[in-house]
N, C-alpha and C. Protein backbone atom coordinates (compact mmCIF):
# COMPACT_ATOMS: atom_id res chain seq x y z
N UNK A 1 0.86 -1.18 0.03
CA UNK A 1 0.00 0.03 0.01
C UNK A 1 0.82 1.23 -0.02
N UNK A 2 1.94 1.19 0.76
CA UNK A 2 2.86 2.31 0.82
C UNK A 2 3.60 2.63 -0.48
N UNK A 3 3.90 1.42 -1.18
CA UNK A 3 4.54 1.58 -2.42
C UNK A 3 3.53 2.21 -3.46
N UNK A 4 2.37 1.76 -3.41
CA UNK A 4 1.33 2.32 -4.32
C UNK A 4 1.17 3.78 -4.18
N UNK A 5 1.12 4.32 -2.93
CA UNK A 5 1.10 5.74 -2.65
C UNK A 5 2.30 6.48 -3.20
N UNK A 6 3.54 5.82 -3.06
CA UNK A 6 4.71 6.48 -3.55
C UNK A 6 4.68 6.54 -4.99
N UNK A 7 4.22 5.53 -5.65
CA UNK A 7 4.12 5.51 -7.20
C UNK A 7 3.09 6.52 -7.64
N UNK A 8 1.98 6.68 -6.93
CA UNK A 8 0.95 7.58 -7.30
C UNK A 8 1.43 9.07 -7.08
N UNK A 9 2.17 9.34 -5.95
CA UNK A 9 2.74 10.61 -5.73
C UNK A 9 3.70 10.99 -6.79
N UNK A 10 4.58 10.07 -7.10
CA UNK A 10 5.58 10.32 -8.25
C UNK A 10 4.81 10.62 -9.58
N UNK A 11 3.79 9.83 -9.81
CA UNK A 11 2.99 10.05 -11.03
C UNK A 11 2.41 11.49 -11.06
N UNK A 12 1.87 11.82 -9.90
CA UNK A 12 1.23 13.13 -9.93
C UNK A 12 2.29 14.37 -9.96
N UNK A 13 3.44 14.05 -9.37
CA UNK A 13 4.47 15.14 -9.50
C UNK A 13 5.05 15.21 -10.90
N UNK A 14 5.03 14.19 -11.63
CA UNK A 14 5.48 14.21 -13.01
C UNK A 14 4.49 14.57 -14.02
N UNK A 15 3.24 14.56 -13.55
CA UNK A 15 2.14 14.76 -14.44
C UNK A 15 2.21 16.11 -15.24
N UNK A 16 2.60 17.23 -14.59
CA UNK A 16 2.68 18.51 -15.26
C UNK A 16 3.61 18.51 -16.55
N UNK A 17 4.62 17.62 -16.49
CA UNK A 17 5.62 17.57 -17.55
C UNK A 17 5.08 16.95 -18.83
N UNK A 18 4.13 15.99 -18.63
CA UNK A 18 3.61 15.26 -19.82
C UNK A 18 2.13 15.43 -19.95
N UNK A 19 1.60 16.34 -19.24
CA UNK A 19 0.10 16.54 -19.32
C UNK A 19 -0.31 17.26 -20.59
N UNK A 20 0.68 18.05 -21.17
CA UNK A 20 0.38 18.74 -22.39
C UNK A 20 0.15 17.82 -23.50
N UNK A 21 0.84 16.68 -23.54
CA UNK A 21 0.72 15.74 -24.59
C UNK A 21 -0.36 14.72 -24.36
N UNK A 22 -0.83 14.56 -23.22
CA UNK A 22 -1.78 13.47 -22.79
C UNK A 22 -2.98 14.03 -22.24
N UNK A 23 -4.15 13.34 -22.37
CA UNK A 23 -5.41 13.71 -21.79
C UNK A 23 -5.78 12.77 -20.70
N UNK A 24 -6.34 13.20 -19.64
CA UNK A 24 -6.68 12.35 -18.51
C UNK A 24 -8.18 12.58 -18.16
N UNK A 25 -8.77 11.58 -17.60
CA UNK A 25 -10.20 11.64 -17.14
C UNK A 25 -10.27 10.97 -15.82
N UNK A 26 -11.41 11.25 -15.11
CA UNK A 26 -11.75 10.64 -13.86
C UNK A 26 -13.17 10.13 -13.87
N UNK A 27 -13.37 8.91 -13.33
CA UNK A 27 -14.66 8.43 -13.16
C UNK A 27 -14.83 7.97 -11.75
N UNK A 28 -16.14 7.83 -11.28
CA UNK A 28 -16.47 7.27 -9.98
C UNK A 28 -17.31 6.01 -10.20
N UNK A 29 -16.65 4.88 -10.34
CA UNK A 29 -17.38 3.69 -10.63
C UNK A 29 -18.44 3.36 -9.51
N UNK A 30 -18.16 3.72 -8.26
CA UNK A 30 -19.07 3.44 -7.13
C UNK A 30 -20.44 4.19 -7.47
N UNK A 31 -20.30 5.49 -7.89
CA UNK A 31 -21.45 6.25 -8.26
C UNK A 31 -22.16 5.75 -9.43
N UNK A 32 -21.42 5.29 -10.52
CA UNK A 32 -21.92 4.75 -11.73
C UNK A 32 -22.72 3.46 -11.35
N UNK A 33 -22.09 2.58 -10.67
CA UNK A 33 -22.69 1.25 -10.26
C UNK A 33 -24.02 1.48 -9.47
N UNK A 34 -23.91 2.52 -8.57
CA UNK A 34 -25.02 2.74 -7.71
C UNK A 34 -26.23 3.29 -8.49
N UNK A 35 -26.06 3.79 -9.73
CA UNK A 35 -27.19 4.26 -10.62
C UNK A 35 -27.70 3.12 -11.58
N UNK A 36 -27.10 1.95 -11.44
CA UNK A 36 -27.58 0.84 -12.27
C UNK A 36 -28.35 -0.15 -11.56
N UNK A 37 -29.70 -0.15 -11.78
CA UNK A 37 -30.53 -0.92 -10.99
C UNK A 37 -30.26 -2.42 -10.89
N UNK A 38 -29.73 -3.03 -12.03
CA UNK A 38 -29.33 -4.44 -12.05
C UNK A 38 -28.22 -4.67 -11.07
N UNK A 39 -27.33 -3.72 -10.86
CA UNK A 39 -26.20 -3.83 -9.92
C UNK A 39 -26.73 -3.94 -8.48
N UNK A 40 -27.66 -3.03 -8.20
CA UNK A 40 -28.29 -3.01 -6.82
C UNK A 40 -28.98 -4.36 -6.58
N UNK A 41 -29.79 -4.84 -7.60
CA UNK A 41 -30.43 -6.10 -7.44
C UNK A 41 -29.50 -7.29 -7.18
N UNK A 42 -28.40 -7.24 -7.96
CA UNK A 42 -27.32 -8.33 -7.77
C UNK A 42 -26.72 -8.21 -6.44
N UNK A 43 -26.47 -7.00 -5.97
CA UNK A 43 -25.87 -6.77 -4.72
C UNK A 43 -26.75 -7.27 -3.57
N UNK A 44 -28.04 -7.05 -3.67
CA UNK A 44 -29.06 -7.50 -2.73
C UNK A 44 -29.10 -9.02 -2.70
N UNK A 45 -29.10 -9.60 -3.84
CA UNK A 45 -29.11 -11.10 -3.90
C UNK A 45 -27.96 -11.65 -3.17
N UNK A 46 -26.75 -11.11 -3.52
CA UNK A 46 -25.52 -11.56 -2.88
C UNK A 46 -25.56 -11.39 -1.33
N UNK A 47 -26.02 -10.17 -0.86
CA UNK A 47 -26.06 -9.90 0.52
C UNK A 47 -27.05 -10.84 1.15
N UNK A 48 -28.15 -11.17 0.56
CA UNK A 48 -29.18 -12.11 1.09
C UNK A 48 -28.50 -13.50 1.24
N UNK A 49 -27.81 -13.90 0.20
CA UNK A 49 -27.16 -15.27 0.25
C UNK A 49 -26.18 -15.26 1.48
N UNK A 50 -25.38 -14.22 1.54
CA UNK A 50 -24.39 -14.12 2.57
C UNK A 50 -25.00 -14.26 3.91
N UNK A 51 -26.06 -13.53 4.14
CA UNK A 51 -26.70 -13.56 5.44
C UNK A 51 -27.21 -14.93 5.75
N UNK A 52 -27.89 -15.56 4.76
CA UNK A 52 -28.43 -16.95 4.93
C UNK A 52 -27.27 -17.87 5.22
N UNK A 53 -26.19 -17.80 4.51
CA UNK A 53 -25.09 -18.74 4.74
C UNK A 53 -24.43 -18.47 6.05
N UNK A 54 -24.31 -17.21 6.48
CA UNK A 54 -23.70 -16.90 7.76
C UNK A 54 -24.61 -17.44 8.81
N UNK A 55 -25.90 -17.35 8.75
CA UNK A 55 -26.80 -17.85 9.74
C UNK A 55 -26.63 -19.51 9.86
N UNK A 56 -26.47 -20.09 8.66
CA UNK A 56 -26.30 -21.54 8.64
C UNK A 56 -25.04 -21.93 9.42
N UNK A 57 -23.96 -21.14 9.16
CA UNK A 57 -22.72 -21.44 9.81
C UNK A 57 -22.77 -21.16 11.31
N UNK A 58 -23.38 -20.04 11.69
CA UNK A 58 -23.58 -19.77 13.05
C UNK A 58 -24.31 -20.86 13.75
N UNK A 59 -25.32 -21.28 13.18
CA UNK A 59 -26.17 -22.46 13.70
C UNK A 59 -25.30 -23.71 13.95
N UNK A 60 -24.43 -23.98 13.07
CA UNK A 60 -23.55 -25.19 13.16
C UNK A 60 -22.59 -24.93 14.31
N UNK A 61 -22.02 -23.80 14.49
CA UNK A 61 -21.05 -23.45 15.52
C UNK A 61 -21.79 -23.35 16.87
N UNK A 62 -23.08 -23.01 16.85
CA UNK A 62 -23.88 -23.01 18.06
C UNK A 62 -24.12 -24.42 18.50
N UNK A 63 -24.46 -25.35 17.54
CA UNK A 63 -24.64 -26.76 17.86
C UNK A 63 -23.37 -27.33 18.49
N UNK A 64 -22.21 -27.01 17.93
CA UNK A 64 -20.89 -27.43 18.35
C UNK A 64 -20.67 -26.97 19.80
N UNK A 65 -21.01 -25.71 20.07
CA UNK A 65 -20.84 -25.18 21.44
C UNK A 65 -21.75 -25.94 22.35
N UNK A 66 -22.91 -26.29 22.02
CA UNK A 66 -23.87 -26.96 22.85
C UNK A 66 -23.32 -28.40 23.06
N UNK A 67 -22.76 -29.07 22.10
CA UNK A 67 -22.25 -30.37 22.21
C UNK A 67 -21.01 -30.35 23.20
N UNK A 68 -20.20 -29.32 23.06
CA UNK A 68 -19.06 -29.16 23.89
C UNK A 68 -19.44 -28.93 25.36
N UNK A 69 -20.46 -28.06 25.59
CA UNK A 69 -20.88 -27.85 26.97
C UNK A 69 -21.47 -29.10 27.61
N UNK A 70 -22.23 -29.81 26.84
CA UNK A 70 -22.75 -31.13 27.25
C UNK A 70 -21.72 -32.06 27.61
N UNK A 71 -20.76 -32.17 26.77
CA UNK A 71 -19.62 -33.03 26.94
C UNK A 71 -18.86 -32.70 28.21
N UNK A 72 -18.60 -31.43 28.42
CA UNK A 72 -17.90 -31.01 29.71
C UNK A 72 -18.66 -31.35 30.91
N UNK A 73 -20.02 -31.20 30.84
CA UNK A 73 -20.85 -31.52 31.99
C UNK A 73 -20.87 -33.03 32.35
N UNK A 74 -20.87 -33.74 31.27
CA UNK A 74 -20.95 -35.25 31.39
C UNK A 74 -19.59 -35.99 31.43
N UNK A 75 -18.47 -35.37 31.11
CA UNK A 75 -17.17 -35.96 30.93
C UNK A 75 -16.68 -36.64 32.16
N UNK A 76 -17.03 -36.20 33.29
CA UNK A 76 -16.49 -36.85 34.53
C UNK A 76 -17.14 -38.24 34.76
N UNK A 77 -18.34 -38.40 34.15
CA UNK A 77 -19.11 -39.65 34.31
C UNK A 77 -18.85 -40.62 33.21
N UNK A 78 -18.24 -40.16 32.09
CA UNK A 78 -18.07 -41.05 30.95
C UNK A 78 -16.83 -41.90 31.03
N UNK A 79 -16.90 -43.09 30.54
CA UNK A 79 -15.64 -43.92 30.44
C UNK A 79 -14.69 -43.38 29.38
N UNK A 80 -13.43 -43.59 29.45
CA UNK A 80 -12.42 -43.07 28.54
C UNK A 80 -12.67 -43.22 27.13
N UNK A 81 -13.17 -44.35 26.81
CA UNK A 81 -13.57 -44.76 25.31
C UNK A 81 -14.69 -43.81 24.87
N UNK A 82 -15.70 -43.53 25.75
CA UNK A 82 -16.76 -42.77 25.30
C UNK A 82 -16.35 -41.25 25.24
N UNK A 83 -15.45 -40.79 26.14
CA UNK A 83 -14.95 -39.46 26.09
C UNK A 83 -14.28 -39.22 24.81
N UNK A 84 -13.38 -40.20 24.39
CA UNK A 84 -12.63 -40.02 23.16
C UNK A 84 -13.59 -39.97 21.99
N UNK A 85 -14.57 -40.74 22.00
CA UNK A 85 -15.55 -40.82 20.83
C UNK A 85 -16.30 -39.43 20.75
N UNK A 86 -16.74 -38.87 21.96
CA UNK A 86 -17.40 -37.63 21.91
C UNK A 86 -16.49 -36.47 21.50
N UNK A 87 -15.27 -36.54 21.94
CA UNK A 87 -14.42 -35.53 21.55
C UNK A 87 -14.11 -35.50 20.09
N UNK A 88 -14.02 -36.74 19.49
CA UNK A 88 -13.82 -36.91 18.04
C UNK A 88 -15.02 -36.36 17.32
N UNK A 89 -16.24 -36.64 17.78
CA UNK A 89 -17.45 -36.10 17.17
C UNK A 89 -17.46 -34.58 17.16
N UNK A 90 -17.09 -34.01 18.23
CA UNK A 90 -17.01 -32.57 18.34
C UNK A 90 -16.04 -31.99 17.37
N UNK A 91 -14.81 -32.58 17.30
CA UNK A 91 -13.76 -32.22 16.40
C UNK A 91 -14.19 -32.37 14.94
N UNK A 92 -14.89 -33.46 14.62
CA UNK A 92 -15.43 -33.66 13.26
C UNK A 92 -16.47 -32.64 12.91
N UNK A 93 -17.38 -32.34 13.80
CA UNK A 93 -18.46 -31.30 13.52
C UNK A 93 -17.83 -29.90 13.33
N UNK A 94 -16.79 -29.61 14.12
CA UNK A 94 -16.12 -28.37 14.01
C UNK A 94 -15.41 -28.23 12.65
N UNK A 95 -14.77 -29.44 12.24
CA UNK A 95 -14.05 -29.42 10.96
C UNK A 95 -15.15 -29.15 9.81
N UNK A 96 -16.27 -29.89 9.92
CA UNK A 96 -17.29 -29.75 8.93
C UNK A 96 -17.81 -28.29 8.86
N UNK A 97 -17.98 -27.67 9.95
CA UNK A 97 -18.41 -26.26 10.06
C UNK A 97 -17.43 -25.32 9.37
N UNK A 98 -16.13 -25.54 9.70
CA UNK A 98 -15.10 -24.72 9.09
C UNK A 98 -15.00 -24.95 7.56
N UNK A 99 -15.11 -26.14 7.23
CA UNK A 99 -15.14 -26.51 5.75
C UNK A 99 -16.28 -25.84 5.10
N UNK A 100 -17.46 -25.82 5.69
CA UNK A 100 -18.61 -25.10 5.11
C UNK A 100 -18.35 -23.59 4.99
N UNK A 101 -17.78 -23.03 6.08
CA UNK A 101 -17.44 -21.66 6.11
C UNK A 101 -16.50 -21.31 5.01
N UNK A 102 -15.47 -22.17 4.73
CA UNK A 102 -14.54 -21.93 3.69
C UNK A 102 -15.23 -22.12 2.33
N UNK A 103 -16.09 -23.10 2.24
CA UNK A 103 -16.82 -23.30 0.91
C UNK A 103 -17.67 -22.13 0.56
N UNK A 104 -18.35 -21.53 1.62
CA UNK A 104 -19.20 -20.39 1.38
C UNK A 104 -18.40 -19.13 1.16
N UNK A 105 -17.46 -18.83 2.10
CA UNK A 105 -16.86 -17.49 2.11
C UNK A 105 -15.36 -17.51 1.78
N UNK A 106 -14.74 -18.58 1.40
CA UNK A 106 -13.39 -18.66 1.03
C UNK A 106 -13.13 -17.95 -0.22
N UNK A 107 -11.85 -17.85 -0.58
CA UNK A 107 -11.41 -17.06 -1.77
C UNK A 107 -12.09 -17.55 -2.99
N UNK A 108 -12.18 -18.81 -3.12
CA UNK A 108 -12.90 -19.42 -4.35
C UNK A 108 -14.24 -20.00 -3.90
N UNK A 109 -14.88 -19.35 -2.90
CA UNK A 109 -16.09 -19.95 -2.27
C UNK A 109 -17.29 -19.52 -3.13
N UNK A 110 -18.45 -20.07 -2.62
CA UNK A 110 -19.64 -19.80 -3.27
C UNK A 110 -20.09 -18.32 -3.41
N UNK A 111 -19.82 -17.53 -2.37
CA UNK A 111 -19.96 -16.09 -2.40
C UNK A 111 -19.14 -15.41 -3.51
N UNK A 112 -17.91 -15.71 -3.62
CA UNK A 112 -16.99 -15.21 -4.69
C UNK A 112 -17.47 -15.55 -6.05
N UNK A 113 -17.93 -16.84 -6.19
CA UNK A 113 -18.42 -17.27 -7.51
C UNK A 113 -19.72 -16.56 -7.86
N UNK A 114 -20.56 -16.43 -6.84
CA UNK A 114 -21.81 -15.76 -7.12
C UNK A 114 -21.60 -14.28 -7.54
N UNK A 115 -20.66 -13.62 -6.83
CA UNK A 115 -20.35 -12.28 -7.17
C UNK A 115 -19.73 -12.14 -8.60
N UNK A 116 -18.96 -13.11 -8.94
CA UNK A 116 -18.34 -13.17 -10.26
C UNK A 116 -19.45 -13.36 -11.30
N UNK A 117 -20.40 -14.18 -11.04
CA UNK A 117 -21.55 -14.47 -11.94
C UNK A 117 -22.52 -13.19 -12.09
N UNK A 118 -22.83 -12.60 -11.01
CA UNK A 118 -23.80 -11.56 -10.99
C UNK A 118 -23.19 -10.13 -11.22
N UNK A 119 -22.08 -9.83 -10.57
CA UNK A 119 -21.56 -8.54 -10.51
C UNK A 119 -20.60 -8.22 -11.69
N UNK A 120 -19.74 -9.18 -12.01
CA UNK A 120 -18.66 -8.93 -13.02
C UNK A 120 -19.24 -8.57 -14.34
N UNK A 121 -20.35 -9.14 -14.88
CA UNK A 121 -20.90 -8.70 -16.18
C UNK A 121 -21.26 -7.24 -16.15
N UNK A 122 -21.75 -6.73 -15.05
CA UNK A 122 -22.13 -5.37 -14.95
C UNK A 122 -20.91 -4.44 -14.92
N UNK A 123 -19.86 -4.90 -14.14
CA UNK A 123 -18.63 -4.12 -14.13
C UNK A 123 -17.92 -4.14 -15.44
N UNK A 124 -18.10 -5.24 -16.16
CA UNK A 124 -17.45 -5.39 -17.56
C UNK A 124 -18.17 -4.33 -18.42
N UNK A 125 -19.44 -4.20 -18.33
CA UNK A 125 -20.14 -3.30 -19.16
C UNK A 125 -19.67 -1.83 -18.89
N UNK A 126 -19.49 -1.49 -17.61
CA UNK A 126 -19.01 -0.12 -17.13
C UNK A 126 -17.69 -0.01 -17.78
N UNK A 127 -16.73 -0.97 -17.58
CA UNK A 127 -15.39 -0.87 -18.14
C UNK A 127 -15.41 -0.63 -19.61
N UNK A 128 -16.30 -1.42 -20.33
CA UNK A 128 -16.23 -1.23 -21.79
C UNK A 128 -16.78 0.17 -22.14
N UNK A 129 -17.76 0.71 -21.33
CA UNK A 129 -18.21 2.07 -21.67
C UNK A 129 -17.10 3.02 -21.43
N UNK A 130 -16.33 2.87 -20.34
CA UNK A 130 -15.23 3.76 -20.04
C UNK A 130 -14.21 3.73 -21.16
N UNK A 131 -13.96 2.51 -21.59
CA UNK A 131 -12.87 2.34 -22.65
C UNK A 131 -13.33 2.98 -23.90
N UNK A 132 -14.67 2.86 -24.30
CA UNK A 132 -15.17 3.42 -25.47
C UNK A 132 -15.09 4.94 -25.49
N UNK A 133 -15.46 5.49 -24.30
CA UNK A 133 -15.46 6.94 -24.16
C UNK A 133 -14.06 7.49 -24.15
N UNK A 134 -13.18 6.74 -23.50
CA UNK A 134 -11.69 7.13 -23.48
C UNK A 134 -11.18 7.07 -24.92
N UNK A 135 -11.46 6.09 -25.58
CA UNK A 135 -10.93 5.96 -26.97
C UNK A 135 -11.44 7.13 -27.85
N UNK A 136 -12.80 7.32 -27.75
CA UNK A 136 -13.47 8.38 -28.59
C UNK A 136 -12.88 9.75 -28.27
N UNK A 137 -12.70 10.01 -26.98
CA UNK A 137 -12.18 11.29 -26.63
C UNK A 137 -10.65 11.41 -26.45
N UNK A 138 -9.99 10.36 -26.85
CA UNK A 138 -8.53 10.38 -26.94
C UNK A 138 -7.84 10.61 -25.57
N UNK A 139 -8.51 9.95 -24.45
CA UNK A 139 -7.84 9.95 -23.16
C UNK A 139 -6.76 8.98 -23.06
N UNK A 140 -5.61 9.35 -22.57
CA UNK A 140 -4.61 8.45 -22.36
C UNK A 140 -4.73 7.49 -21.07
N UNK A 141 -5.34 8.09 -20.06
CA UNK A 141 -5.51 7.38 -18.83
C UNK A 141 -6.87 7.86 -18.23
N UNK A 142 -7.59 6.89 -17.66
CA UNK A 142 -8.86 7.21 -16.89
C UNK A 142 -8.63 6.65 -15.52
N UNK A 143 -8.83 7.58 -14.49
CA UNK A 143 -8.69 7.19 -13.12
C UNK A 143 -9.98 6.97 -12.55
N UNK A 144 -10.05 6.03 -11.58
CA UNK A 144 -11.32 5.73 -10.86
C UNK A 144 -11.12 6.35 -9.47
N UNK A 145 -11.94 7.21 -9.11
CA UNK A 145 -11.81 7.82 -7.75
C UNK A 145 -12.60 7.17 -6.67
N UNK A 146 -13.28 6.08 -7.01
CA UNK A 146 -14.24 5.38 -6.06
C UNK A 146 -13.45 4.78 -4.86
N UNK A 147 -12.44 4.12 -5.15
CA UNK A 147 -11.64 3.45 -3.93
C UNK A 147 -10.30 3.92 -3.97
N UNK A 148 -10.09 5.16 -3.72
CA UNK A 148 -8.74 5.75 -3.86
C UNK A 148 -8.46 5.87 -5.27
N UNK A 149 -7.59 6.72 -5.65
CA UNK A 149 -7.32 6.89 -7.09
C UNK A 149 -6.66 5.71 -7.68
N UNK A 150 -7.22 5.04 -8.60
CA UNK A 150 -6.58 3.91 -9.27
C UNK A 150 -6.77 4.03 -10.81
N UNK A 151 -5.91 3.55 -11.58
CA UNK A 151 -6.18 3.61 -13.04
C UNK A 151 -7.14 2.51 -13.45
N UNK A 152 -8.10 2.92 -14.27
CA UNK A 152 -9.18 2.11 -14.69
C UNK A 152 -8.89 1.73 -16.18
N UNK A 153 -8.36 2.71 -16.90
CA UNK A 153 -8.15 2.47 -18.36
C UNK A 153 -6.84 3.22 -18.67
N UNK A 154 -6.00 2.51 -19.50
CA UNK A 154 -4.83 3.13 -20.09
C UNK A 154 -4.85 2.82 -21.49
N UNK A 155 -4.65 3.80 -22.36
CA UNK A 155 -4.59 3.64 -23.83
C UNK A 155 -3.44 2.74 -24.12
N UNK A 156 -3.75 1.62 -24.75
CA UNK A 156 -2.72 0.65 -25.13
C UNK A 156 -1.49 1.33 -25.89
N UNK A 157 -1.82 2.38 -26.62
CA UNK A 157 -0.64 3.05 -27.33
C UNK A 157 0.39 3.57 -26.34
N UNK A 158 -0.04 3.84 -25.08
CA UNK A 158 0.94 4.40 -24.13
C UNK A 158 1.64 3.23 -23.25
N UNK A 159 1.33 2.04 -23.53
CA UNK A 159 1.88 0.84 -22.82
C UNK A 159 3.23 0.57 -23.45
N UNK A 160 4.26 0.71 -22.68
CA UNK A 160 5.65 0.55 -23.19
C UNK A 160 6.26 -0.73 -22.70
N UNK A 161 5.44 -1.66 -22.15
CA UNK A 161 5.90 -2.92 -21.57
C UNK A 161 6.71 -3.71 -22.49
N UNK A 162 6.37 -3.80 -23.81
CA UNK A 162 7.12 -4.59 -24.85
C UNK A 162 8.48 -3.93 -25.06
N UNK A 163 8.50 -2.60 -25.07
CA UNK A 163 9.85 -1.92 -25.25
C UNK A 163 10.77 -2.18 -24.05
N UNK A 164 10.16 -2.16 -22.86
CA UNK A 164 10.97 -2.49 -21.70
C UNK A 164 11.56 -3.79 -21.73
N UNK A 165 10.66 -4.83 -22.15
CA UNK A 165 11.17 -6.19 -22.26
C UNK A 165 12.31 -6.30 -23.26
N UNK A 166 12.13 -5.55 -24.45
CA UNK A 166 13.17 -5.60 -25.39
C UNK A 166 14.50 -5.01 -24.86
N UNK A 167 14.34 -3.94 -24.19
CA UNK A 167 15.56 -3.21 -23.63
C UNK A 167 16.25 -4.11 -22.51
N UNK A 168 15.53 -4.96 -21.98
CA UNK A 168 16.08 -5.97 -20.98
C UNK A 168 16.56 -7.24 -21.75
N UNK A 169 16.48 -7.30 -23.01
CA UNK A 169 16.94 -8.43 -23.77
C UNK A 169 15.98 -9.54 -24.10
N UNK A 170 14.67 -9.26 -23.73
CA UNK A 170 13.65 -10.31 -24.02
C UNK A 170 12.99 -9.90 -25.32
N UNK A 171 12.75 -10.93 -26.16
CA UNK A 171 12.03 -10.67 -27.36
C UNK A 171 10.57 -10.99 -27.25
N UNK A 172 9.78 -10.50 -28.18
CA UNK A 172 8.32 -10.63 -28.05
C UNK A 172 7.99 -12.13 -28.34
């Protein structure tokens, strides 16, 4: 994060020197997405699923907590074999609950997949519109001010990555 700020500060300090040759624009994707009804509907669906899944997981952990309290209360009366079996049941239930939590909310979990399915197409439409407008108006860079200033679009003509690779001795 600190490196990103340094890069952005350097970029803005250097901007006056090449601003005359380049055109820049700013968009607020949060504002834009907030004005798209399908986006709000998709967000609501995702939020509803998340709440439902969170309740399901909390219920499982509540059951585990109840099993554990019951086990603690009865453990002094249980034979060693029965204690072991009950401990293993609790451990297994806890593992299942954590697995479910990961399945629902993990990096590649159900929530992420649903977000990808419902939100990404809308974001892609916004990006395509930004790209079309940027191309039409000859903007070199479009910044998104929604989540801190980040580049949303860069005109491919201004991408010198291949030149850098060539100067480092790597061919295309």
